[in-house]
Amino acid sequence: MKNITLDKKLVFIIDEFSETLENIIKDYGEKEGQLFLHQNRELRQESEISNTIQFIYSGSIGLGNIAERIEAIKSINDLTDFAIPPFSKEEAYLLIEQLLVDKSMTFSKKVKDHLLKKIVWLMPYYIQIVLDELEELLLQQNKKVIAKKDIDQALAYILDKRNYFEHWHTRLRTAFQGNRYTFAKEVLNLTCKEEKGLSKTVVFDLSEKYKLREGYLLIIRTLEYDGYIHLGSDGNYIFNSPLLQFWWKKNISI
């Protein structure tokens, strides 16, 4: 790209960048993945590009973890990493109001609080799928005002369907192979069943079981960064989302 003339900085937001990298690795191998990252770095560092264009890469899985796995960290060390946290309660209220603009249903603040208490991890996706199910449920019942029992029923419907959460399992199969996949799956299986979460000691013992002592921490970091689990205040790993936890327990950890 040459002779770029702009009076303002141009921002390119590239969504699902890390997912694209994963697909390249899956289809063509790690060498092609390394080349893809290297070529993107070269593009970013061209003087005419770096002075006029800002690249923002977004995605639901951690780019750094993938780059580390294929030994290509140097190709992204010019990037600044930042995570987008879940919504605050106030932000979640605003999203609900926006989503209700074109929907013929309403509910009180008390019922909204019940919804947010059930969801816990206030990511937009979870709020949206609950409202979608509520809209269908109320349409069937010819109602317009949402009650707490409607939210509980909508959540039950969501957990009965594989399509809302299946991509979490599919992603695991894409990111890990062989004993790395089996280790990651067993960590999640045990975590979803333990009321107080999974201890670091158990995780380490599993790494010994699957002969992953040298690489298991990268797998755990990937599970954390990609939104499956986090380290709780008591030092045990717990699911970020109770909805995903219940679904995983019901459909995967059997």
C-alpha atoms as a PDB file:
ATOM      1  CA  MET A   1       0.000   0.000   0.000  1.00  0.00           C
ATOM      2  CA  LYS A   2       1.668   3.190  -1.178  1.00  0.00           C
ATOM      3  CA  ASN A   3       0.893   6.903  -1.484  1.00  0.00           C
ATOM      4  CA  ILE A   4      -1.838   6.932   1.145  1.00  0.00           C
ATOM      5  CA  THR A   5      -3.006  10.468   1.861  1.00  0.00           C
ATOM      6  CA  LEU A   6      -5.479  11.066   4.666  1.00  0.00           C
ATOM      7  CA  ASP A   7      -6.322  14.152   6.669  1.00  0.00           C
ATOM      8  CA  LYS A   8      -7.357  11.994   9.630  1.00  0.00           C
ATOM      9  CA  LYS A   9      -6.203   8.691  11.061  1.00  0.00           C
ATOM     10  CA  LEU A  10      -8.107   5.753   9.613  1.00  0.00           C
ATOM     11  CA  VAL A  11      -9.130   2.985  12.024  1.00  0.00           C
ATOM     12  CA  PHE A  12      -9.553  -0.559  10.706  1.00  0.00           C
ATOM     13  CA  ILE A  13     -11.479  -2.804  13.104  1.00  0.00           C
ATOM     14  CA  ILE A  14     -10.996  -6.435  12.054  1.00  0.00           C
ATOM     15  CA  ASP A  15     -13.402  -8.760  13.844  1.00  0.00           C
ATOM     16  CA  GLU A  16     -12.741 -12.467  14.512  1.00  0.00           C
ATOM     17  CA  PHE A  17      -9.051 -12.033  13.685  1.00  0.00           C
ATOM     18  CA  SER A  18      -7.928 -14.742  16.100  1.00  0.00           C
ATOM     19  CA  GLU A  19     -10.653 -17.089  14.822  1.00  0.00           C
ATOM     20  CA  THR A  20      -9.330 -16.566  11.293  1.00  0.00           C
ATOM     21  CA  LEU A  21      -5.845 -17.449  12.506  1.00  0.00           C
ATOM     22  CA  GLU A  22      -7.202 -20.609  14.132  1.00  0.00           C
ATOM     23  CA  ASN A  23      -8.846 -21.627  10.860  1.00  0.00           C
ATOM     24  CA  ILE A  24      -5.615 -21.047   8.924  1.00  0.00           C
ATOM     25  CA  ILE A  25      -3.706 -23.230  11.379  1.00  0.00           C
ATOM     26  CA  LYS A  26      -6.382 -25.915  11.219  1.00  0.00           C
ATOM     27  CA  ASP A  27      -6.545 -25.982   7.408  1.00  0.00           C
ATOM     28  CA  TYR A  28      -2.931 -25.292   6.430  1.00  0.00           C
ATOM     29  CA  GLY A  29      -0.752 -25.833   9.488  1.00  0.00           C
ATOM     30  CA  GLU A  30       1.224 -23.778  11.986  1.00  0.00           C
ATOM     31  CA  LYS A  31       3.767 -22.510   9.422  1.00  0.00           C
ATOM     32  CA  GLU A  32       1.007 -20.755   7.484  1.00  0.00           C
ATOM     33  CA  GLY A  33      -0.335 -19.345  10.746  1.00  0.00           C
ATOM     34  CA  GLN A  34       3.107 -17.941  11.551  1.00  0.00           C
ATOM     35  CA  LEU A  35       3.350 -16.445   8.055  1.00  0.00           C
ATOM     36  CA  PHE A  36      -0.087 -14.827   8.392  1.00  0.00           C
ATOM     37  CA  LEU A  37       0.926 -13.104  11.630  1.00  0.00           C
ATOM     38  CA  HIS A  38       4.312 -12.089  10.228  1.00  0.00           C
ATOM     39  CA  GLN A  39       2.768 -10.526   7.112  1.00  0.00           C
ATOM     40  CA  ASN A  40       0.256  -8.595   9.234  1.00  0.00           C
ATOM     41  CA  ARG A  41       3.109  -7.271  11.371  1.00  0.00           C
ATOM     42  CA  GLU A  42       5.022  -6.178   8.279  1.00  0.00           C
ATOM     43  CA  LEU A  43       1.930  -4.336   7.046  1.00  0.00           C
ATOM     44  CA  ARG A  44       1.448  -2.567  10.380  1.00  0.00           C
ATOM     45  CA  GLN A  45       5.070  -1.450  10.451  1.00  0.00           C
ATOM     46  CA  GLU A  46       5.226   0.065   6.978  1.00  0.00           C
ATOM     47  CA  SER A  47       5.869   3.746   7.609  1.00  0.00           C
ATOM     48  CA  GLU A  48       3.069   4.970   5.340  1.00  0.00           C
ATOM     49  CA  ILE A  49       0.658   2.568   7.019  1.00  0.00           C
ATOM     50  CA  SER A  50       1.655   3.100  10.640  1.00  0.00           C
ATOM     51  CA  ASN A  51       1.380   6.882  10.313  1.00  0.00           C
ATOM     52  CA  THR A  52      -2.088   6.881   8.808  1.00  0.00           C
ATOM     53  CA  ILE A  53      -3.866   3.659   9.795  1.00  0.00           C
ATOM     54  CA  GLN A  54      -4.671   2.152  13.201  1.00  0.00           C
ATOM     55  CA  PHE A  55      -5.495  -1.565  13.281  1.00  0.00           C
ATOM     56  CA  ILE A  56      -7.796  -2.993  15.945  1.00  0.00           C
ATOM     57  CA  TYR A  57      -8.140  -6.771  16.056  1.00  0.00           C
ATOM     58  CA  SER A  58     -11.118  -8.171  17.923  1.00  0.00           C
ATOM     59  CA  GLY A  59     -12.254 -11.689  18.639  1.00  0.00           C
ATOM     60  CA  SER A  60     -13.778 -13.978  21.208  1.00  0.00           C
ATOM     61  CA  ILE A  61     -10.605 -16.045  21.685  1.00  0.00           C
ATOM     62  CA  GLY A  62      -7.182 -14.892  22.810  1.00  0.00           C
ATOM     63  CA  LEU A  63      -4.756 -13.990  20.033  1.00  0.00           C
ATOM     64  CA  GLY A  64      -1.801 -14.082  22.415  1.00  0.00           C
ATOM     65  CA  ASN A  65      -2.519 -17.641  23.467  1.00  0.00           C
ATOM     66  CA  ILE A  66      -2.660 -18.836  19.870  1.00  0.00           C
ATOM     67  CA  ALA A  67       0.523 -16.964  18.949  1.00  0.00           C
ATOM     68  CA  GLU A  68       2.313 -18.464  21.947  1.00  0.00           C
ATOM     69  CA  ARG A  69       1.137 -21.939  20.980  1.00  0.00           C
ATOM     70  CA  ILE A  70       2.633 -21.668  17.481  1.00  0.00           C
ATOM     71  CA  GLU A  71       5.746 -19.828  18.741  1.00  0.00           C
ATOM     72  CA  ALA A  72       4.900 -16.560  16.980  1.00  0.00           C
ATOM     73  CA  ILE A  73       4.734 -14.110  19.891  1.00  0.00           C
ATOM     74  CA  LYS A  74       7.308 -11.845  18.197  1.00  0.00           C
ATOM     75  CA  SER A  75       4.820 -11.212  15.401  1.00  0.00           C
ATOM     76  CA  ILE A  76       2.342  -9.552  17.760  1.00  0.00           C
ATOM     77  CA  ASN A  77       4.592  -7.915  20.357  1.00  0.00           C
ATOM     78  CA  ASP A  78       3.873  -4.505  18.809  1.00  0.00           C
ATOM     79  CA  LEU A  79       0.185  -4.852  19.710  1.00  0.00           C
ATOM     80  CA  THR A  80      -1.412  -3.672  22.943  1.00  0.00           C
ATOM     81  CA  ASP A  81      -3.698  -6.256  24.489  1.00  0.00           C
ATOM     82  CA  PHE A  82      -6.916  -5.269  26.229  1.00  0.00           C
ATOM     83  CA  ALA A  83      -9.908  -7.270  27.408  1.00  0.00           C
ATOM     84  CA  ILE A  84     -13.521  -6.121  27.320  1.00  0.00           C
ATOM     85  CA  PRO A  85     -15.130  -6.835  30.706  1.00  0.00           C
ATOM     86  CA  PRO A  86     -18.762  -7.844  31.269  1.00  0.00           C
ATOM     87  CA  PHE A  87     -21.339  -5.094  31.568  1.00  0.00           C
ATOM     88  CA  SER A  88     -21.982  -3.385  34.847  1.00  0.00           C
ATOM     89  CA  LYS A  89     -25.518  -3.646  36.168  1.00  0.00           C
ATOM     90  CA  GLU A  90     -26.294  -0.150  34.869  1.00  0.00           C
ATOM     91  CA  GLU A  91     -24.934  -0.971  31.411  1.00  0.00           C
ATOM     92  CA  ALA A  92     -26.995  -4.149  31.359  1.00  0.00           C
ATOM     93  CA  TYR A  93     -30.144  -2.125  32.144  1.00  0.00           C
ATOM     94  CA  LEU A  94     -29.388   0.174  29.206  1.00  0.00           C
ATOM     95  CA  LEU A  95     -28.878  -2.760  26.847  1.00  0.00           C
ATOM     96  CA  ILE A  96     -32.183  -4.300  27.933  1.00  0.00           C
ATOM     97  CA  GLU A  97     -33.977  -1.019  27.274  1.00  0.00           C
ATOM     98  CA  GLN A  98     -32.429  -0.773  23.816  1.00  0.00           C
ATOM     99  CA  LEU A  99     -33.348  -4.362  22.978  1.00  0.00           C
ATOM    100  CA  LEU A 100     -36.928  -3.781  24.118  1.00  0.00           C
ATOM    101  CA  VAL A 101     -37.468  -0.804  21.788  1.00  0.00           C
ATOM    102  CA  ASP A 102     -38.827  -2.945  18.940  1.00  0.00           C
ATOM    103  CA  LYS A 103     -40.363  -5.643  21.133  1.00  0.00           C
ATOM    104  CA  SER A 104     -43.907  -5.680  22.473  1.00  0.00           C
ATOM    105  CA  MET A 105     -43.013  -6.668  26.031  1.00  0.00           C
ATOM    106  CA  THR A 106     -42.111  -4.909  29.249  1.00  0.00           C
ATOM    107  CA  PHE A 107     -40.962  -5.810  32.749  1.00  0.00           C
ATOM    108  CA  SER A 108     -40.305  -4.083  36.028  1.00  0.00           C
ATOM    109  CA  LYS A 109     -36.936  -3.247  37.548  1.00  0.00           C
ATOM    110  CA  LYS A 110     -37.493  -5.994  40.122  1.00  0.00           C
ATOM    111  CA  VAL A 111     -37.925  -8.558  37.361  1.00  0.00           C
ATOM    112  CA  LYS A 112     -34.900  -7.154  35.502  1.00  0.00           C
ATOM    113  CA  ASP A 113     -32.877  -7.602  38.679  1.00  0.00           C
ATOM    114  CA  HIS A 114     -34.033 -11.216  38.779  1.00  0.00           C
ATOM    115  CA  LEU A 115     -32.838 -11.679  35.205  1.00  0.00           C
ATOM    116  CA  LEU A 116     -29.403 -10.186  35.876  1.00  0.00           C
ATOM    117  CA  LYS A 117     -29.043 -12.206  39.068  1.00  0.00           C
ATOM    118  CA  LYS A 118     -29.666 -15.381  37.072  1.00  0.00           C
ATOM    119  CA  ILE A 119     -27.249 -14.476  34.288  1.00  0.00           C
ATOM    120  CA  VAL A 120     -24.438 -13.253  36.652  1.00  0.00           C
ATOM    121  CA  TRP A 121     -21.820 -12.831  33.891  1.00  0.00           C
ATOM    122  CA  LEU A 122     -23.367  -9.865  32.121  1.00  0.00           C
ATOM    123  CA  MET A 123     -22.106 -10.291  28.580  1.00  0.00           C
ATOM    124  CA  PRO A 124     -24.434  -8.975  25.836  1.00  0.00           C
ATOM    125  CA  TYR A 125     -24.822 -12.429  24.265  1.00  0.00           C
ATOM    126  CA  TYR A 126     -26.480 -13.926  27.334  1.00  0.00           C
ATOM    127  CA  ILE A 127     -28.837 -10.993  27.776  1.00  0.00           C
ATOM    128  CA  GLN A 128     -29.838 -11.135  24.110  1.00  0.00           C
ATOM    129  CA  ILE A 129     -30.618 -14.847  23.997  1.00  0.00           C
ATOM    130  CA  VAL A 130     -32.773 -14.622  27.142  1.00  0.00           C
ATOM    131  CA  LEU A 131     -34.761 -11.735  25.670  1.00  0.00           C
ATOM    132  CA  ASP A 132     -35.192 -13.640  22.396  1.00  0.00           C
ATOM    133  CA  GLU A 133     -36.598 -16.632  24.266  1.00  0.00           C
ATOM    134  CA  LEU A 134     -38.829 -14.371  26.374  1.00  0.00           C
ATOM    135  CA  GLU A 135     -40.257 -12.743  23.261  1.00  0.00           C
ATOM    136  CA  GLU A 136     -41.177 -16.127  21.802  1.00  0.00           C
ATOM    137  CA  LEU A 137     -42.570 -17.356  25.110  1.00  0.00           C
ATOM    138  CA  LEU A 138     -44.803 -14.307  25.615  1.00  0.00           C
ATOM    139  CA  LEU A 139     -45.987 -14.476  22.020  1.00  0.00           C
ATOM    140  CA  GLN A 140     -47.159 -18.040  22.618  1.00  0.00           C
ATOM    141  CA  GLN A 141     -48.934 -17.002  25.817  1.00  0.00           C
ATOM    142  CA  ASN A 142     -50.320 -13.778  24.342  1.00  0.00           C
ATOM    143  CA  LYS A 143     -48.734 -11.759  27.157  1.00  0.00           C
ATOM    144  CA  LYS A 144     -46.818  -8.498  27.198  1.00  0.00           C
ATOM    145  CA  VAL A 145     -45.655  -8.135  30.798  1.00  0.00           C
ATOM    146  CA  ILE A 146     -42.744 -10.368  31.869  1.00  0.00           C
ATOM    147  CA  ALA A 147     -42.808 -12.028  35.280  1.00  0.00           C
ATOM    148  CA  LYS A 148     -40.030 -13.798  37.192  1.00  0.00           C
ATOM    149  CA  LYS A 149     -41.481 -17.183  36.297  1.00  0.00           C
ATOM    150  CA  ASP A 150     -41.246 -16.280  32.608  1.00  0.00           C
ATOM    151  CA  ILE A 151     -37.526 -15.608  32.975  1.00  0.00           C
ATOM    152  CA  ASP A 152     -37.033 -18.939  34.761  1.00  0.00           C
ATOM    153  CA  GLN A 153     -38.940 -20.709  31.998  1.00  0.00           C
ATOM    154  CA  ALA A 154     -36.969 -18.967  29.253  1.00  0.00           C
ATOM    155  CA  LEU A 155     -33.712 -19.952  30.944  1.00  0.00           C
ATOM    156  CA  ALA A 156     -34.895 -23.570  31.135  1.00  0.00           C
ATOM    157  CA  TYR A 157     -35.620 -23.509  27.393  1.00  0.00           C
ATOM    158  CA  ILE A 158     -32.185 -22.059  26.674  1.00  0.00           C
ATOM    159  CA  LEU A 159     -30.416 -24.751  28.665  1.00  0.00           C
ATOM    160  CA  ASP A 160     -32.397 -27.434  26.816  1.00  0.00           C
ATOM    161  CA  LYS A 161     -31.081 -26.237  23.452  1.00  0.00           C
ATOM    162  CA  ARG A 162     -27.599 -27.117  22.220  1.00  0.00           C
ATOM    163  CA  ASN A 163     -27.341 -24.348  19.628  1.00  0.00           C
ATOM    164  CA  TYR A 164     -26.870 -21.506  22.134  1.00  0.00           C
ATOM    165  CA  PHE A 165     -23.771 -23.039  23.741  1.00  0.00           C
ATOM    166  CA  GLU A 166     -22.472 -25.719  21.370  1.00  0.00           C
ATOM    167  CA  HIS A 167     -19.870 -23.331  19.940  1.00  0.00           C
ATOM    168  CA  TRP A 168     -18.098 -23.351  23.330  1.00  0.00           C
ATOM    169  CA  HIS A 169     -17.455 -27.074  22.930  1.00  0.00           C
ATOM    170  CA  THR A 170     -16.642 -26.776  19.218  1.00  0.00           C
ATOM    171  CA  ARG A 171     -14.104 -24.056  19.980  1.00  0.00           C
ATOM    172  CA  LEU A 172     -12.393 -26.351  22.468  1.00  0.00           C
ATOM    173  CA  ARG A 173     -12.014 -29.026  19.780  1.00  0.00           C
ATOM    174  CA  THR A 174     -10.565 -26.444  17.389  1.00  0.00           C
ATOM    175  CA  ALA A 175      -8.080 -25.000  19.869  1.00  0.00           C
ATOM    176  CA  PHE A 176      -6.747 -28.277  21.281  1.00  0.00           C
ATOM    177  CA  GLN A 177      -6.020 -31.728  19.959  1.00  0.00           C
ATOM    178  CA  GLY A 178      -5.170 -35.080  21.500  1.00  0.00           C
ATOM    179  CA  ASN A 179      -4.403 -35.135  25.207  1.00  0.00           C
ATOM    180  CA  ARG A 180      -4.487 -31.308  25.325  1.00  0.00           C
ATOM    181  CA  TYR A 181      -8.171 -31.395  24.335  1.00  0.00           C
ATOM    182  CA  THR A 182      -8.890 -34.240  26.780  1.00  0.00           C
ATOM    183  CA  PHE A 183      -7.150 -32.330  29.586  1.00  0.00           C
ATOM    184  CA  ALA A 184      -9.058 -29.108  28.864  1.00  0.00           C
ATOM    185  CA  LYS A 185     -12.364 -30.942  28.677  1.00  0.00           C
ATOM    186  CA  GLU A 186     -11.765 -32.782  31.960  1.00  0.00           C
ATOM    187  CA  VAL A 187     -10.826 -29.520  33.690  1.00  0.00           C
ATOM    188  CA  LEU A 188     -14.154 -28.042  32.597  1.00  0.00           C
ATOM    189  CA  ASN A 189     -16.047 -31.232  33.428  1.00  0.00           C
ATOM    190  CA  LEU A 190     -14.731 -31.241  36.989  1.00  0.00           C
ATOM    191  CA  THR A 191     -15.111 -27.489  37.413  1.00  0.00           C
ATOM    192  CA  CYS A 192     -18.794 -27.534  36.480  1.00  0.00           C
ATOM    193  CA  LYS A 193     -19.482 -30.273  39.035  1.00  0.00           C
ATOM    194  CA  GLU A 194     -17.585 -28.786  41.977  1.00  0.00           C
ATOM    195  CA  GLU A 195     -19.703 -26.402  44.026  1.00  0.00           C
ATOM    196  CA  LYS A 196     -16.637 -24.528  45.298  1.00  0.00           C
ATOM    197  CA  GLY A 197     -14.705 -24.757  42.045  1.00  0.00           C
ATOM    198  CA  LEU A 198     -11.612 -26.706  41.028  1.00  0.00           C
ATOM    199  CA  SER A 199      -8.396 -26.316  42.996  1.00  0.00           C
ATOM    200  CA  LYS A 200      -5.013 -25.627  41.430  1.00  0.00           C
ATOM    201  CA  THR A 201      -3.783 -28.862  42.975  1.00  0.00           C
ATOM    202  CA  VAL A 202      -6.351 -30.926  41.069  1.00  0.00           C
ATOM    203  CA  VAL A 203      -5.495 -29.063  37.845  1.00  0.00           C
ATOM    204  CA  PHE A 204      -1.793 -29.833  38.343  1.00  0.00           C
ATOM    205  CA  ASP A 205      -2.573 -33.502  39.037  1.00  0.00           C
ATOM    206  CA  LEU A 206      -4.549 -33.639  35.790  1.00  0.00           C
ATOM    207  CA  SER A 207      -1.589 -32.178  33.916  1.00  0.00           C
ATOM    208  CA  GLU A 208       0.545 -35.017  35.294  1.00  0.00           C
ATOM    209  CA  LYS A 209      -2.105 -37.540  34.271  1.00  0.00           C
ATOM    210  CA  TYR A 210      -2.061 -36.299  30.669  1.00  0.00           C
ATOM    211  CA  LYS A 211       1.718 -35.701  30.590  1.00  0.00           C
ATOM    212  CA  LEU A 212       1.285 -31.952  30.115  1.00  0.00           C
ATOM    213  CA  ARG A 213       3.346 -30.639  32.992  1.00  0.00           C
ATOM    214  CA  GLU A 214       5.279 -28.274  30.721  1.00  0.00           C
ATOM    215  CA  GLY A 215       2.318 -26.903  28.758  1.00  0.00           C
ATOM    216  CA  TYR A 216      -0.790 -27.084  30.903  1.00  0.00           C
ATOM    217  CA  LEU A 217      -0.642 -23.482  32.130  1.00  0.00           C
ATOM    218  CA  LEU A 218      -1.028 -22.216  28.562  1.00  0.00           C
ATOM    219  CA  ILE A 219      -4.183 -24.318  28.231  1.00  0.00           C
ATOM    220  CA  ILE A 220      -5.550 -22.916  31.498  1.00  0.00           C
ATOM    221  CA  ARG A 221      -4.739 -19.353  30.390  1.00  0.00           C
ATOM    222  CA  THR A 222      -6.592 -20.031  27.159  1.00  0.00           C
ATOM    223  CA  LEU A 223      -9.662 -21.250  29.058  1.00  0.00           C
ATOM    224  CA  GLU A 224      -9.507 -18.114  31.195  1.00  0.00           C
ATOM    225  CA  TYR A 225      -8.931 -15.653  28.359  1.00  0.00           C
ATOM    226  CA  ASP A 226     -11.583 -17.243  26.137  1.00  0.00           C
ATOM    227  CA  GLY A 227     -14.261 -16.838  28.786  1.00  0.00           C
ATOM    228  CA  TYR A 228     -14.795 -20.340  30.179  1.00  0.00           C
ATOM    229  CA  ILE A 229     -13.400 -20.000  33.701  1.00  0.00           C
ATOM    230  CA  HIS A 230     -11.614 -17.647  36.053  1.00  0.00           C
ATOM    231  CA  LEU A 231      -9.771 -17.917  39.340  1.00  0.00           C
ATOM    232  CA  GLY A 232     -12.179 -17.134  42.174  1.00  0.00           C
ATOM    233  CA  SER A 233     -11.381 -15.211  45.342  1.00  0.00           C
ATOM    234  CA  ASP A 234     -10.763 -18.492  47.193  1.00  0.00           C
ATOM    235  CA  GLY A 235      -8.129 -19.592  44.669  1.00  0.00           C
ATOM    236  CA  ASN A 236     -10.284 -22.164  42.875  1.00  0.00           C
ATOM    237  CA  TYR A 237     -11.285 -22.127  39.216  1.00  0.00           C
ATOM    238  CA  ILE A 238     -14.982 -21.480  38.572  1.00  0.00           C
ATOM    239  CA  PHE A 239     -17.113 -20.941  35.470  1.00  0.00           C
ATOM    240  CA  ASN A 240     -17.655 -17.334  34.435  1.00  0.00           C
ATOM    241  CA  SER A 241     -21.244 -18.015  33.418  1.00  0.00           C
ATOM    242  CA  PRO A 242     -23.617 -20.169  35.493  1.00  0.00           C
ATOM    243  CA  LEU A 243     -25.631 -20.678  32.293  1.00  0.00           C
ATOM    244  CA  LEU A 244     -22.657 -22.176  30.490  1.00  0.00           C
ATOM    245  CA  GLN A 245     -21.818 -24.188  33.606  1.00  0.00           C
ATOM    246  CA  PHE A 246     -25.303 -25.735  33.814  1.00  0.00           C
ATOM    247  CA  TRP A 247     -25.353 -26.421  30.079  1.00  0.00           C
ATOM    248  CA  TRP A 248     -21.881 -27.996  30.159  1.00  0.00           C
ATOM    249  CA  LYS A 249     -22.810 -30.183  33.107  1.00  0.00           C
ATOM    250  CA  LYS A 250     -25.971 -31.341  31.366  1.00  0.00           C
ATOM    251  CA  ASN A 251     -24.633 -31.903  27.862  1.00  0.00           C
ATOM    252  CA  ILE A 252     -20.856 -32.413  27.914  1.00  0.00           C
ATOM    253  CA  SER A 253     -19.690 -33.738  31.290  1.00  0.00           C
ATOM    254  CA  ILE A 254     -21.626 -36.981  31.088  1.00  0.00           C
END
